[in-house]
Amino acid sequence: MAHVYTAYTDVAKKSLGKSKIAAILRQAREAPAPAAVGPKERYHGVAEAAYFRAERRGFLPGYELQDWLDAEAELDKPLKQVP
């Protein structure tokens, strides 16, 4: 298995250069591991974010759905950026 890794590394070094490879590896080591979010935790997070959006608006009625959709988008954005 090590020889396969070495082959990929050699190809990457030739196409990207050693400094680029080092930067990619450093970034991968420093990046936080993505946290698994279950449906229950997501629901509660969205509900809380929607509540705070409504609070900032003074709880004016008629925007409940938009608050919820905006809160979902806000909380899902970091999850979609995980490779």
C-alpha atoms as a PDB file:
ATOM      1  CA  MET A   1       0.000   0.000   0.000  1.00  0.00           C
ATOM      2  CA  ALA A   2       2.907   2.350   0.714  1.00  0.00           C
ATOM      3  CA  HIS A   3       4.088   2.100  -2.884  1.00  0.00           C
ATOM      4  CA  VAL A   4       0.706   3.346  -4.120  1.00  0.00           C
ATOM      5  CA  TYR A   5       0.943   6.351  -1.787  1.00  0.00           C
ATOM      6  CA  THR A   6       4.479   7.039  -3.022  1.00  0.00           C
ATOM      7  CA  ALA A   7       3.335   6.858  -6.645  1.00  0.00           C
ATOM      8  CA  TYR A   8       0.512   9.346  -6.011  1.00  0.00           C
ATOM      9  CA  THR A   9       2.845  11.619  -4.094  1.00  0.00           C
ATOM     10  CA  ASP A  10       5.405  11.574  -6.919  1.00  0.00           C
ATOM     11  CA  VAL A  11       2.751  12.448  -9.502  1.00  0.00           C
ATOM     12  CA  ALA A  12       1.420  15.229  -7.288  1.00  0.00           C
ATOM     13  CA  LYS A  13       4.908  16.659  -6.758  1.00  0.00           C
ATOM     14  CA  LYS A  14       5.530  16.750 -10.495  1.00  0.00           C
ATOM     15  CA  SER A  15       2.204  18.416 -11.309  1.00  0.00           C
ATOM     16  CA  LEU A  16       1.793  20.743  -8.324  1.00  0.00           C
ATOM     17  CA  GLY A  17       5.270  21.244  -6.934  1.00  0.00           C
ATOM     18  CA  LYS A  18       6.599  20.419  -3.485  1.00  0.00           C
ATOM     19  CA  SER A  19       5.621  23.742  -1.892  1.00  0.00           C
ATOM     20  CA  LYS A  20       2.007  23.408  -3.060  1.00  0.00           C
ATOM     21  CA  ILE A  21       1.820  19.850  -1.735  1.00  0.00           C
ATOM     22  CA  ALA A  22       3.235  20.975   1.613  1.00  0.00           C
ATOM     23  CA  ALA A  23       0.668  23.778   1.816  1.00  0.00           C
ATOM     24  CA  ILE A  24      -2.207  21.389   1.050  1.00  0.00           C
ATOM     25  CA  LEU A  25      -1.035  18.885   3.666  1.00  0.00           C
ATOM     26  CA  ARG A  26      -0.553  21.624   6.273  1.00  0.00           C
ATOM     27  CA  GLN A  27      -4.040  22.991   5.584  1.00  0.00           C
ATOM     28  CA  ALA A  28      -5.558  19.504   5.890  1.00  0.00           C
ATOM     29  CA  ARG A  29      -3.828  18.943   9.259  1.00  0.00           C
ATOM     30  CA  GLU A  30      -4.909  22.324  10.639  1.00  0.00           C
ATOM     31  CA  ALA A  31      -8.527  22.132   9.466  1.00  0.00           C
ATOM     32  CA  PRO A  32     -10.992  21.137  12.160  1.00  0.00           C
ATOM     33  CA  ALA A  33     -12.705  17.806  11.645  1.00  0.00           C
ATOM     34  CA  PRO A  34     -16.295  18.206  10.467  1.00  0.00           C
ATOM     35  CA  ALA A  35     -18.739  17.572  13.257  1.00  0.00           C
ATOM     36  CA  ALA A  36     -21.590  15.191  12.620  1.00  0.00           C
ATOM     37  CA  VAL A  37     -24.906  16.904  13.159  1.00  0.00           C
ATOM     38  CA  GLY A  38     -27.943  14.734  13.652  1.00  0.00           C
ATOM     39  CA  PRO A  39     -31.456  15.742  12.614  1.00  0.00           C
ATOM     40  CA  LYS A  40     -32.509  16.493  16.190  1.00  0.00           C
ATOM     41  CA  GLU A  41     -29.531  18.817  16.809  1.00  0.00           C
ATOM     42  CA  ARG A  42     -30.040  20.496  13.433  1.00  0.00           C
ATOM     43  CA  TYR A  43     -33.737  21.099  14.167  1.00  0.00           C
ATOM     44  CA  HIS A  44     -32.982  22.689  17.527  1.00  0.00           C
ATOM     45  CA  GLY A  45     -30.202  24.812  16.022  1.00  0.00           C
ATOM     46  CA  VAL A  46     -32.495  26.060  13.254  1.00  0.00           C
ATOM     47  CA  ALA A  47     -35.287  26.763  15.729  1.00  0.00           C
ATOM     48  CA  GLU A  48     -32.967  28.791  17.946  1.00  0.00           C
ATOM     49  CA  ALA A  49     -31.508  30.745  15.017  1.00  0.00           C
ATOM     50  CA  ALA A  50     -35.019  31.462  13.674  1.00  0.00           C
ATOM     51  CA  TYR A  51     -36.101  32.676  17.117  1.00  0.00           C
ATOM     52  CA  PHE A  52     -33.197  35.127  17.320  1.00  0.00           C
ATOM     53  CA  ARG A  53     -33.973  36.391  13.810  1.00  0.00           C
ATOM     54  CA  ALA A  54     -37.572  37.032  14.874  1.00  0.00           C
ATOM     55  CA  GLU A  55     -36.389  38.711  18.069  1.00  0.00           C
ATOM     56  CA  ARG A  56     -34.161  41.119  16.110  1.00  0.00           C
ATOM     57  CA  ARG A  57     -37.182  41.975  13.989  1.00  0.00           C
ATOM     58  CA  GLY A  58     -39.300  42.673  17.081  1.00  0.00           C
ATOM     59  CA  PHE A  59     -41.414  39.521  16.558  1.00  0.00           C
ATOM     60  CA  LEU A  60     -43.442  41.170  13.811  1.00  0.00           C
ATOM     61  CA  PRO A  61     -45.787  38.519  12.391  1.00  0.00           C
ATOM     62  CA  GLY A  62     -45.722  37.262   8.839  1.00  0.00           C
ATOM     63  CA  TYR A  63     -42.023  36.420   8.553  1.00  0.00           C
ATOM     64  CA  GLU A  64     -41.944  33.098  10.377  1.00  0.00           C
ATOM     65  CA  LEU A  65     -41.287  30.953   7.297  1.00  0.00           C
ATOM     66  CA  GLN A  66     -38.608  33.307   6.015  1.00  0.00           C
ATOM     67  CA  ASP A  67     -36.924  33.290   9.440  1.00  0.00           C
ATOM     68  CA  TRP A  68     -36.895  29.486   9.383  1.00  0.00           C
ATOM     69  CA  LEU A  69     -35.562  29.230   5.824  1.00  0.00           C
ATOM     70  CA  ASP A  70     -32.861  31.835   6.486  1.00  0.00           C
ATOM     71  CA  ALA A  71     -31.837  30.024   9.674  1.00  0.00           C
ATOM     72  CA  GLU A  72     -31.586  26.720   7.788  1.00  0.00           C
ATOM     73  CA  ALA A  73     -29.435  28.303   5.099  1.00  0.00           C
ATOM     74  CA  GLU A  74     -27.217  29.953   7.720  1.00  0.00           C
ATOM     75  CA  LEU A  75     -26.626  26.721   9.627  1.00  0.00           C
ATOM     76  CA  ASP A  76     -26.256  24.508   6.549  1.00  0.00           C
ATOM     77  CA  LYS A  77     -23.709  26.759   4.839  1.00  0.00           C
ATOM     78  CA  PRO A  78     -20.670  25.515   6.832  1.00  0.00           C
ATOM     79  CA  LEU A  79     -21.776  21.906   6.368  1.00  0.00           C
ATOM     80  CA  LYS A  80     -21.920  22.288   2.595  1.00  0.00           C
ATOM     81  CA  GLN A  81     -18.363  23.658   2.526  1.00  0.00           C
ATOM     82  CA  VAL A  82     -16.898  20.487   4.003  1.00  0.00           C
ATOM     83  CA  PRO A  83     -15.136  18.540   1.215  1.00  0.00           C
END
